[in-house]
Amino acid sequence: MSVSAVAADRSVCVPLPVLGRDVLVPLVTGGEAVYAALDYAASAPALQRVWDDVAAYAPYYGSVHRGAGYLSQLSTDLFENSRTTIADFLGCRADDQVVFTRSTTDSLNLLAAVLPQGTRVFVFETEHHASLLPWEQRAGVEVTYLNAPRTHDEAVDTLEKALAEREPCSAGDSVKSGPALVCVTGASNVTGELWPVRELAAAAHAHGARIVLDAAQLAPHHPLDIAELDVDWVAFSGHKLYAPFGAGVLAGRADWLRSADPYLAGGGASRKVSRRTDGGVDVEWHTTAARHEAGSPNVIGAYAIASACQALTEAGFDTLVARERELIARVRAGLAEVPEVKVLSLFGDDAPRVGVLSFVVDGWNSSHFAAALSAEYGIGVRDGLFCAHPLVRTLLGTDPQDPGECGAPEAAPGERSLNAIRVSFGAGTPDEHVDRFVRAVKELVTDGARWNYRTEDGRCVPAE
């Protein structure tokens, strides 16, 4: 049996089959409803395909790179073949490395740890905290935070001006600028809007800088090609790519990864360790991806990501993107019929986007609204600032404040809200889920909640 082979008779359907699609949840008003998972931007449900592939492999589980036994060799092949599958999915160049991590956050912290001394990092304030925060933790690295742009052209212009300021003042200036890195998202986890990645990469390279793409929200929704986008690195997470295990990927240029000390020191990262006469040890580290994968790796997590990559590729991104655009249009048209709802956007209503939308409702505390969607309609969304506090506050025009109790409006009609509600969906979302969501929004705004709610540990929950 070849556990890495996919089932011979596996049909592709739209929406793609995911775990939990038939789960019933209780409603406070009585009865049950099929759970509508509309929080894909946080964690997408696992594809049934991924679950089946992992279940088929589980009896053959073994420790990789460390054993002569059959299961160890099979697991090693599976692990390394997964690396190749992911490299193909990302359109990696021949000399790129694919490093397995725990998540997008871990991937970007790994990249921050290998930056050369004196690197200057440029990052827009609109980033998720995973790509906004790691850089200042690295000694000898200077971070420049760029203001939120309102158009694609403004984003490119803002970056070019910032990069130009770090360069020598004249051609005769012998002082050379140090390394520079630009970090940018592919699709916003707040608005779903696509960023001009190719243009930003061109601007970065024109000024001698490198660029890393946070593809956590882009990879599950759109085809991704490192070489075509001309980015230096890509980071993403399995749990947003329909593979719900603690694994992620950092893929891209190898030179900074090879020249830096290992992200973690330990077995697997080292090729040879020997004692010195003075009592210490000499270590020869790997120059491959293993250099930053010390310890026993998450083989199942890596294989789950590879399985998801295969499933999305076989389903066809053209089909997946077309259907998602229909769902986006459906949601936007429904919300547009409710005057009290304001959809948040950086680049405007016509900006291309993935299936992620955030909004506020006049007169409603966002936690209260999200709690009512869950308790009364069986719909799971998210509320708050979405680990992108500067961006959401920019979009809302607010300062950091306590959002208040859930039972009362956080702001009067026409006043500014303090946080937002996010709905997100993807390849596994049935039409009925988005239709139920739009209907629920309209009913809650028109008729109000049918249940009483209270605040518990900072969250709005149904009152008993």
Protein backbone atom coordinates (compact mmCIF):
# COMPACT_ATOMS: atom_id res chain seq x y z
CA MET A 1 0.00 0.00 0.00
CA SER A 2 1.29 3.50 -0.83
CA VAL A 3 0.00 5.81 1.86
CA SER A 4 1.11 8.87 -0.07
CA ALA A 5 -1.11 8.02 -3.02
CA VAL A 6 -4.51 9.64 -3.22
CA ALA A 7 -7.63 7.55 -3.53
CA ALA A 8 -8.11 6.43 -7.12
CA ASP A 9 -11.81 7.24 -7.26
CA ARG A 10 -12.16 10.65 -5.62
CA SER A 11 -14.53 13.06 -7.28
CA VAL A 12 -14.22 16.83 -7.10
CA CYS A 13 -17.34 18.68 -6.04
CA VAL A 14 -18.17 22.28 -5.25
CA PRO A 15 -18.25 23.18 -2.43
CA LEU A 16 -15.37 20.91 -1.47
CA PRO A 17 -16.28 18.41 1.27
CA VAL A 18 -15.05 19.52 4.70
CA LEU A 19 -15.28 18.07 8.18
CA GLY A 20 -18.13 19.42 10.28
CA ARG A 21 -20.44 20.11 7.36
CA ASP A 22 -23.27 18.16 9.04
CA VAL A 23 -22.65 19.17 12.68
CA LEU A 24 -25.82 20.23 14.50
CA VAL A 25 -25.64 22.91 17.19
CA PRO A 26 -28.34 23.91 19.70
CA LEU A 27 -30.17 27.22 19.39
CA VAL A 28 -31.21 29.20 22.46
CA THR A 29 -34.63 29.71 20.89
CA GLY A 30 -35.16 25.97 20.64
CA GLY A 31 -34.20 23.24 18.23
CA GLU A 32 -30.97 22.80 16.31
CA ALA A 33 -29.30 24.08 13.16
CA VAL A 34 -26.52 22.81 10.94
CA TYR A 35 -23.51 24.84 12.01
CA ALA A 36 -22.53 27.53 9.50
CA ALA A 37 -18.76 27.90 9.86
CA LEU A 38 -18.09 31.42 8.60
CA ASP A 39 -14.80 32.05 10.38
CA TYR A 40 -12.43 30.64 7.74
CA ALA A 41 -10.00 33.53 8.20
CA ALA A 42 -9.20 32.25 11.68
CA SER A 43 -9.12 28.52 10.92
CA ALA A 44 -10.69 26.83 7.93
CA PRO A 45 -12.40 23.47 8.45
CA ALA A 46 -10.35 20.47 7.37
CA LEU A 47 -10.96 19.11 3.93
CA GLN A 48 -12.37 15.59 4.07
CA ARG A 49 -9.65 14.70 1.59
CA VAL A 50 -6.94 15.83 4.02
CA TRP A 51 -8.48 13.90 6.89
CA ASP A 52 -8.74 10.73 4.82
CA ASP A 53 -5.12 10.98 3.65
CA VAL A 54 -3.85 11.51 7.18
CA ALA A 55 -5.98 8.61 8.49
CA ALA A 56 -4.55 6.36 5.77
CA TYR A 57 -1.01 7.26 6.81
CA ALA A 58 -1.50 7.08 10.59
CA PRO A 59 -0.90 3.29 10.96
CA TYR A 60 2.43 3.74 9.16
CA TYR A 61 3.64 6.54 11.39
CA GLY A 62 7.33 6.47 12.26
CA SER A 63 10.16 8.78 13.28
CA VAL A 64 11.78 10.49 10.32
CA HIS A 65 15.48 10.74 9.41
CA ARG A 66 16.45 8.54 12.33
CA GLY A 67 15.71 4.91 11.62
CA ALA A 68 16.55 2.02 9.32
CA GLY A 69 13.14 0.41 9.81
CA TYR A 70 10.49 0.33 7.12
CA LEU A 71 8.06 2.72 8.85
CA SER A 72 10.82 5.23 9.54
CA GLN A 73 11.90 5.16 5.91
CA LEU A 74 8.33 5.43 4.68
CA SER A 75 7.67 8.40 6.98
CA THR A 76 10.88 10.07 5.87
CA ASP A 77 9.88 9.71 2.23
CA LEU A 78 6.42 11.04 3.01
CA PHE A 79 7.86 14.03 4.88
CA GLU A 80 10.32 14.98 2.14
CA ASN A 81 7.80 14.32 -0.64
CA SER A 82 5.44 16.69 1.17
CA ARG A 83 8.14 19.33 1.00
CA THR A 84 8.36 18.82 -2.77
CA THR A 85 4.58 18.95 -3.21
CA ILE A 86 4.40 22.24 -1.31
CA ALA A 87 7.30 23.69 -3.32
CA ASP A 88 5.41 22.85 -6.51
CA PHE A 89 2.20 24.39 -5.12
CA LEU A 90 4.07 27.62 -4.35
CA GLY A 91 5.96 27.75 -7.63
CA CYS A 92 9.28 27.72 -5.82
CA ARG A 93 12.50 28.34 -7.71
CA ALA A 94 15.11 25.60 -8.01
CA ASP A 95 17.30 26.92 -5.18
CA ASP A 96 14.49 27.89 -2.78
CA GLN A 97 14.10 26.11 0.55
CA VAL A 98 10.84 24.96 2.13
CA VAL A 99 11.12 25.03 5.91
CA PHE A 100 8.41 23.50 8.07
CA THR A 101 7.31 25.60 11.04
CA ARG A 102 4.34 25.71 13.39
CA SER A 103 2.41 28.55 11.72
CA THR A 104 2.67 31.81 9.79
CA THR A 105 3.62 33.51 13.05
CA ASP A 106 6.41 31.00 13.62
CA SER A 107 7.58 31.35 10.01
CA LEU A 108 7.91 35.13 10.24
CA ASN A 109 9.60 34.91 13.62
CA LEU A 110 12.06 32.46 12.06
CA LEU A 111 12.79 34.91 9.26
CA ALA A 112 13.21 37.71 11.80
CA ALA A 113 15.71 35.55 13.68
CA VAL A 114 17.93 35.06 10.61
CA LEU A 115 18.04 38.69 9.45
CA PRO A 116 21.59 40.01 9.09
CA GLN A 117 22.70 42.61 11.59
CA GLY A 118 21.78 46.10 10.46
CA THR A 119 18.76 45.04 8.42
CA ARG A 120 16.04 47.64 8.10
CA VAL A 121 12.49 46.27 7.88
CA PHE A 122 9.61 48.11 6.22
CA VAL A 123 6.11 47.02 7.16
CA PHE A 124 2.70 48.62 6.70
CA GLU A 125 0.65 49.27 9.84
CA THR A 126 -2.14 47.32 8.14
CA GLU A 127 -0.45 43.96 8.74
CA HIS A 128 -1.68 41.15 10.96
CA HIS A 129 0.26 41.07 14.22
CA ALA A 130 2.10 37.96 12.98
CA SER A 131 3.83 40.09 10.35
CA LEU A 132 3.75 43.39 12.25
CA LEU A 133 5.43 42.43 15.52
CA PRO A 134 8.34 39.95 15.09
CA TRP A 135 10.91 42.36 13.67
CA GLU A 136 11.55 44.55 16.71
CA GLN A 137 12.35 41.44 18.74
CA ARG A 138 15.56 41.03 16.72
CA ALA A 139 18.54 42.96 18.09
CA GLY A 140 20.31 45.10 15.52
CA VAL A 141 17.22 45.43 13.29
CA GLU A 142 15.48 48.75 12.66
CA VAL A 143 11.77 48.79 11.80
CA THR A 144 9.94 51.45 9.79
CA TYR A 145 6.16 51.31 10.05
CA LEU A 146 4.34 52.70 7.02
CA ASN A 147 0.95 54.39 7.17
CA ALA A 148 -2.12 52.67 5.77
CA PRO A 149 -2.50 53.40 2.05
CA ARG A 150 -5.91 53.97 0.46
CA THR A 151 -5.07 52.79 -3.05
CA HIS A 152 -2.70 50.27 -4.63
CA ASP A 153 -0.73 53.10 -6.21
CA GLU A 154 -0.40 54.83 -2.86
CA ALA A 155 0.92 51.61 -1.33
CA VAL A 156 3.66 51.37 -3.96
CA ASP A 157 4.50 55.09 -3.75
CA THR A 158 4.68 54.97 0.06
CA LEU A 159 7.08 52.03 -0.06
CA GLU A 160 9.26 53.57 -2.77
CA LYS A 161 9.64 56.83 -0.85
CA ALA A 162 10.52 55.00 2.36
CA LEU A 163 13.09 52.82 0.60
CA ALA A 164 14.62 55.79 -1.21
CA GLU A 165 15.30 57.51 2.10
CA ARG A 166 17.64 54.73 3.20
CA GLU A 167 19.84 54.92 0.09
CA PRO A 168 23.05 57.00 -0.33
CA CYS A 169 22.33 60.66 -0.98
CA SER A 170 24.38 60.78 -4.16
CA ALA A 171 26.16 58.53 -6.63
CA GLY A 172 29.47 59.58 -5.13
CA ASP A 173 28.50 58.64 -1.60
CA SER A 174 30.66 55.70 -0.58
CA VAL A 175 28.43 54.75 2.35
CA LYS A 176 26.36 51.72 1.43
CA SER A 177 22.95 51.03 2.83
CA GLY A 178 22.53 47.86 4.85
CA PRO A 179 20.15 45.02 3.99
CA ALA A 180 16.47 45.83 3.77
CA LEU A 181 13.35 43.68 3.99
CA VAL A 182 9.77 44.55 3.08
CA CYS A 183 6.94 42.58 4.68
CA VAL A 184 3.47 42.68 3.14
CA THR A 185 0.27 40.66 3.23
CA GLY A 186 -1.21 39.10 0.13
CA ALA A 187 -4.81 39.50 1.29
CA SER A 188 -5.98 41.36 4.36
CA ASN A 189 -7.37 39.25 7.19
CA VAL A 190 -9.70 42.16 8.01
CA THR A 191 -11.05 43.39 4.68
CA GLY A 192 -10.10 40.49 2.41
CA GLU A 193 -8.66 42.97 -0.06
CA LEU A 194 -5.81 41.85 -2.30
CA TRP A 195 -2.56 43.82 -2.13
CA PRO A 196 -0.42 44.71 -5.18
CA VAL A 197 2.24 42.15 -4.32
CA ARG A 198 3.96 42.01 -7.70
CA GLU A 199 4.25 45.81 -7.87
CA LEU A 200 5.53 46.03 -4.29
CA ALA A 201 8.09 43.32 -5.02
CA ALA A 202 9.30 45.23 -8.07
CA ALA A 203 9.64 48.41 -5.99
CA ALA A 204 11.52 46.57 -3.26
CA HIS A 205 13.97 44.97 -5.66
CA ALA A 206 14.51 48.24 -7.54
CA HIS A 207 15.80 49.70 -4.28
CA GLY A 208 17.92 46.69 -3.33
CA ALA A 209 15.48 45.33 -0.75
CA ARG A 210 14.01 41.85 -0.32
CA ILE A 211 10.35 41.08 0.31
CA VAL A 212 8.46 38.47 2.31
CA LEU A 213 4.81 37.73 1.58
CA ASP A 214 2.41 36.84 4.38
CA ALA A 215 0.19 34.50 2.38
CA ALA A 216 -1.90 33.17 5.28
CA GLN A 217 -5.10 34.58 3.74
CA LEU A 218 -4.01 34.45 0.10
CA ALA A 219 -2.91 30.83 -0.29
CA PRO A 220 -6.30 29.24 0.56
CA HIS A 221 -8.14 31.41 -1.96
CA HIS A 222 -5.87 32.11 -4.93
CA PRO A 223 -3.08 30.40 -6.87
CA LEU A 224 0.30 31.45 -5.55
CA ASP A 225 3.54 31.52 -7.55
CA ILE A 226 6.69 32.75 -5.84
CA ALA A 227 8.61 33.07 -9.09
CA GLU A 228 5.82 34.93 -10.88
CA LEU A 229 5.23 37.34 -7.99
CA ASP A 230 9.03 37.67 -7.65
CA VAL A 231 8.94 37.61 -3.85
CA ASP A 232 11.86 36.35 -1.83
CA TRP A 233 9.90 34.42 0.80
CA VAL A 234 6.36 33.24 1.43
CA ALA A 235 4.88 32.32 4.81
CA PHE A 236 1.55 30.59 5.45
CA SER A 237 -0.26 28.25 7.86
CA GLY A 238 -1.81 24.84 7.36
CA HIS A 239 -4.81 25.57 9.57
CA LYS A 240 -6.02 28.26 7.16
CA LEU A 241 -5.38 25.97 4.16
CA TYR A 242 -7.87 23.27 5.21
CA ALA A 243 -5.21 21.29 7.10
CA PRO A 244 -6.02 21.67 10.82
CA PHE A 245 -2.74 20.66 12.35
CA GLY A 246 -0.02 22.75 13.98
CA ALA A 247 2.19 23.25 10.95
CA GLY A 248 3.23 26.11 8.70
CA VAL A 249 5.72 26.92 5.98
CA LEU A 250 8.44 29.44 5.25
CA ALA A 251 9.59 29.05 1.65
CA GLY A 252 12.08 31.07 -0.36
CA ARG A 253 15.68 32.17 -0.65
CA ALA A 254 18.22 30.03 1.15
CA ASP A 255 21.19 32.36 1.69
CA TRP A 256 20.08 34.16 4.86
CA LEU A 257 18.70 30.88 6.22
CA ARG A 258 22.02 29.10 5.63
CA SER A 259 24.22 31.83 7.07
CA ALA A 260 22.31 32.37 10.32
CA ASP A 261 22.45 30.29 13.47
CA PRO A 262 19.69 27.69 13.72
CA TYR A 263 16.31 28.97 14.87
CA LEU A 264 16.38 26.14 17.43
CA ALA A 265 19.50 24.26 18.49
CA GLY A 266 19.21 20.50 18.78
CA GLY A 267 18.99 17.18 17.06
CA GLY A 268 18.14 17.26 13.39
CA ALA A 269 19.68 20.71 12.86
CA SER A 270 23.22 19.47 13.41
CA ARG A 271 25.30 17.36 11.01
CA LYS A 272 28.23 16.71 13.35
CA VAL A 273 28.99 17.49 16.98
CA SER A 274 32.37 16.88 18.60
CA ARG A 275 34.04 17.62 21.91
CA ARG A 276 36.86 20.14 22.07
CA THR A 277 39.94 19.78 24.23
CA ASP A 278 38.81 22.74 26.31
CA GLY A 279 35.65 20.86 27.27
CA GLY A 280 33.26 22.60 24.91
CA VAL A 281 31.65 21.33 21.71
CA ASP A 282 32.06 22.13 18.02
CA VAL A 283 28.94 21.91 15.88
CA GLU A 284 28.55 21.63 12.13
CA TRP A 285 25.03 22.67 11.22
CA HIS A 286 23.01 21.54 8.22
CA THR A 287 22.78 23.96 5.31
CA THR A 288 19.44 22.54 4.13
CA ALA A 289 16.00 23.31 5.55
CA ALA A 290 16.86 20.91 8.38
CA ARG A 291 19.05 23.68 9.84
CA HIS A 292 15.90 25.33 11.22
CA GLU A 293 13.85 22.19 11.92
CA ALA A 294 15.49 20.89 15.08
CA GLY A 295 13.66 18.20 17.03
CA SER A 296 11.19 15.61 15.82
CA PRO A 297 9.14 17.33 13.12
CA ASN A 298 5.38 17.41 12.76
CA VAL A 299 5.22 14.86 9.96
CA ILE A 300 1.43 14.61 10.01
CA GLY A 301 1.11 18.39 9.88
CA ALA A 302 3.47 18.61 6.92
CA TYR A 303 1.65 15.83 5.09
CA ALA A 304 -1.71 17.46 5.82
CA ILE A 305 -0.52 20.69 4.18
CA ALA A 306 0.76 18.77 1.16
CA SER A 307 -2.55 16.93 0.89
CA ALA A 308 -4.45 20.22 0.98
CA CYS A 309 -2.17 21.67 -1.69
CA GLN A 310 -2.90 18.67 -3.93
CA ALA A 311 -6.63 18.88 -3.29
CA LEU A 312 -6.86 22.58 -4.15
CA THR A 313 -4.71 22.12 -7.25
CA GLU A 314 -6.84 19.20 -8.48
CA ALA A 315 -10.07 21.08 -7.79
CA GLY A 316 -8.77 23.93 -9.93
CA PHE A 317 -8.28 27.44 -8.63
CA ASP A 318 -10.15 28.93 -11.58
CA THR A 319 -13.28 27.10 -10.45
CA LEU A 320 -12.70 27.83 -6.76
CA VAL A 321 -12.03 31.54 -7.34
CA ALA A 322 -15.07 31.93 -9.62
CA ARG A 323 -17.39 30.36 -7.05
CA GLU A 324 -15.92 32.39 -4.21
CA ARG A 325 -16.49 35.59 -6.17
CA GLU A 326 -20.15 34.62 -6.47
CA LEU A 327 -20.37 34.14 -2.70
CA ILE A 328 -18.64 37.48 -2.08
CA ALA A 329 -21.08 39.24 -4.41
CA ARG A 330 -23.99 37.54 -2.66
CA VAL A 331 -22.87 38.67 0.78
CA ARG A 332 -22.03 42.20 -0.30
CA ALA A 333 -25.35 42.62 -2.11
CA GLY A 334 -27.24 41.39 0.95
CA LEU A 335 -25.38 43.64 3.37
CA ALA A 336 -25.85 46.62 1.03
CA GLU A 337 -29.59 46.27 1.58
CA VAL A 338 -29.15 47.08 5.27
CA PRO A 339 -28.41 50.80 5.76
CA GLU A 340 -27.20 50.22 9.31
CA VAL A 341 -24.35 47.98 8.08
CA LYS A 342 -21.02 49.48 7.03
CA VAL A 343 -18.48 47.19 5.34
CA LEU A 344 -14.86 48.15 6.08
CA SER A 345 -12.44 48.76 3.23
CA LEU A 346 -9.05 50.30 2.55
CA PHE A 347 -9.13 50.31 -1.24
CA GLY A 348 -12.82 50.84 -1.95
CA ASP A 349 -15.84 48.78 -2.93
CA ASP A 350 -14.42 47.72 -6.29
CA ALA A 351 -11.14 46.37 -4.90
CA PRO A 352 -10.53 42.67 -5.63
CA ARG A 353 -10.77 40.55 -2.52
CA VAL A 354 -11.00 37.05 -1.08
CA GLY A 355 -13.89 35.74 1.02
CA VAL A 356 -13.22 37.90 4.07
CA LEU A 357 -15.40 40.90 4.99
CA SER A 358 -15.57 42.95 8.17
CA PHE A 359 -18.39 45.30 9.07
CA VAL A 360 -20.04 47.26 11.84
CA VAL A 361 -23.74 47.69 12.62
CA ASP A 362 -25.05 51.00 13.88
CA GLY A 363 -26.41 50.72 17.39
CA TRP A 364 -24.93 47.29 18.05
CA ASN A 365 -22.04 46.11 20.16
CA SER A 366 -20.13 43.81 17.82
CA SER A 367 -19.72 41.09 20.44
CA HIS A 368 -23.46 41.17 21.07
CA PHE A 369 -24.21 40.87 17.34
CA ALA A 370 -21.80 37.96 16.87
CA ALA A 371 -23.20 36.19 19.94
CA ALA A 372 -26.73 36.49 18.59
CA LEU A 373 -25.69 35.10 15.20
CA SER A 374 -24.28 32.06 16.97
CA ALA A 375 -26.90 31.46 19.64
CA GLU A 376 -30.00 32.20 17.55
CA TYR A 377 -28.94 31.13 14.05
CA GLY A 378 -26.07 28.64 14.47
CA ILE A 379 -23.64 30.92 12.58
CA GLY A 380 -20.02 31.21 13.65
CA VAL A 381 -18.29 34.52 12.86
CA ARG A 382 -15.66 36.55 14.70
CA ASP A 383 -15.75 39.93 16.39
CA GLY A 384 -13.09 42.26 17.75
CA LEU A 385 -9.89 43.65 16.21
CA PHE A 386 -8.74 40.41 14.54
CA CYS A 387 -5.07 40.57 15.65
CA ALA A 388 -4.71 43.61 13.39
CA HIS A 389 -5.41 46.36 15.90
CA PRO A 390 -3.81 49.32 14.07
CA LEU A 391 -5.64 48.48 10.83
CA VAL A 392 -9.08 48.05 12.39
CA ARG A 393 -8.71 51.22 14.42
CA THR A 394 -7.65 53.09 11.27
CA LEU A 395 -10.71 51.78 9.42
CA LEU A 396 -13.00 52.65 12.31
CA GLY A 397 -11.32 55.94 13.14
CA THR A 398 -11.07 55.03 16.82
CA ASP A 399 -8.48 55.07 19.58
CA PRO A 400 -7.82 52.08 21.87
CA GLN A 401 -10.78 51.86 24.23
CA ASP A 402 -12.83 49.38 26.18
CA PRO A 403 -15.61 48.16 23.84
CA GLY A 404 -18.04 48.14 26.74
CA GLU A 405 -20.72 45.78 27.97
CA CYS A 406 -22.38 43.49 25.44
CA GLY A 407 -25.98 44.20 26.42
CA ALA A 408 -25.94 47.86 25.43
CA PRO A 409 -24.96 49.48 22.14
CA GLU A 410 -21.26 50.33 21.99
CA ALA A 411 -22.13 53.40 19.93
CA ALA A 412 -25.31 55.26 19.10
CA PRO A 413 -26.56 55.13 15.50
CA GLY A 414 -24.23 57.20 13.32
CA GLU A 415 -21.41 57.18 15.89
CA ARG A 416 -18.16 55.26 15.52
CA SER A 417 -17.92 51.63 16.58
CA LEU A 418 -15.02 50.38 18.68
CA ASN A 419 -14.60 46.94 17.08
CA ALA A 420 -16.01 44.98 14.17
CA ILE A 421 -17.62 41.74 13.01
CA ARG A 422 -15.89 39.52 10.46
CA VAL A 423 -17.48 36.94 8.18
CA SER A 424 -15.18 34.69 6.15
CA PHE A 425 -15.71 31.69 3.89
CA GLY A 426 -14.02 29.61 1.22
CA ALA A 427 -13.93 26.42 -0.79
CA GLY A 428 -16.04 24.42 1.66
CA THR A 429 -18.83 26.95 2.23
CA PRO A 430 -22.31 25.93 1.06
CA ASP A 431 -24.57 28.56 -0.50
CA GLU A 432 -27.09 28.04 2.30
CA HIS A 433 -24.58 29.25 4.90
CA VAL A 434 -24.06 32.66 3.32
CA ASP A 435 -27.77 32.99 2.58
CA ARG A 436 -28.60 32.23 6.22
CA PHE A 437 -26.00 34.76 7.34
CA VAL A 438 -27.46 37.55 5.19
CA ARG A 439 -30.97 36.72 6.35
CA ALA A 440 -29.85 36.69 9.99
CA VAL A 441 -28.17 40.10 9.70
CA LYS A 442 -31.34 41.59 8.24
CA GLU A 443 -33.55 40.05 10.93
CA LEU A 444 -31.30 41.13 13.81
CA VAL A 445 -31.12 44.70 12.55
CA THR A 446 -34.86 44.87 11.87
CA ASP A 447 -36.28 42.92 14.81
CA GLY A 448 -33.46 42.85 17.37
CA ALA A 449 -32.16 39.86 19.29
CA ARG A 450 -34.73 37.35 20.53
CA TRP A 451 -32.70 36.49 23.61
CA ASN A 452 -31.04 38.31 26.48
CA TYR A 453 -27.25 38.40 26.70
CA ARG A 454 -24.70 39.16 29.40
CA THR A 455 -20.96 39.74 29.63
CA GLU A 456 -18.81 36.86 30.89
CA ASP A 457 -15.01 37.09 30.92
CA GLY A 458 -15.17 39.91 28.41
CA ARG A 459 -17.38 37.99 25.99
CA CYS A 460 -21.06 38.32 25.22
CA VAL A 461 -22.96 35.11 25.98
CA PRO A 462 -26.64 34.14 26.20
CA ALA A 463 -28.16 34.78 29.61
CA GLU A 464 -29.58 31.70 31.27
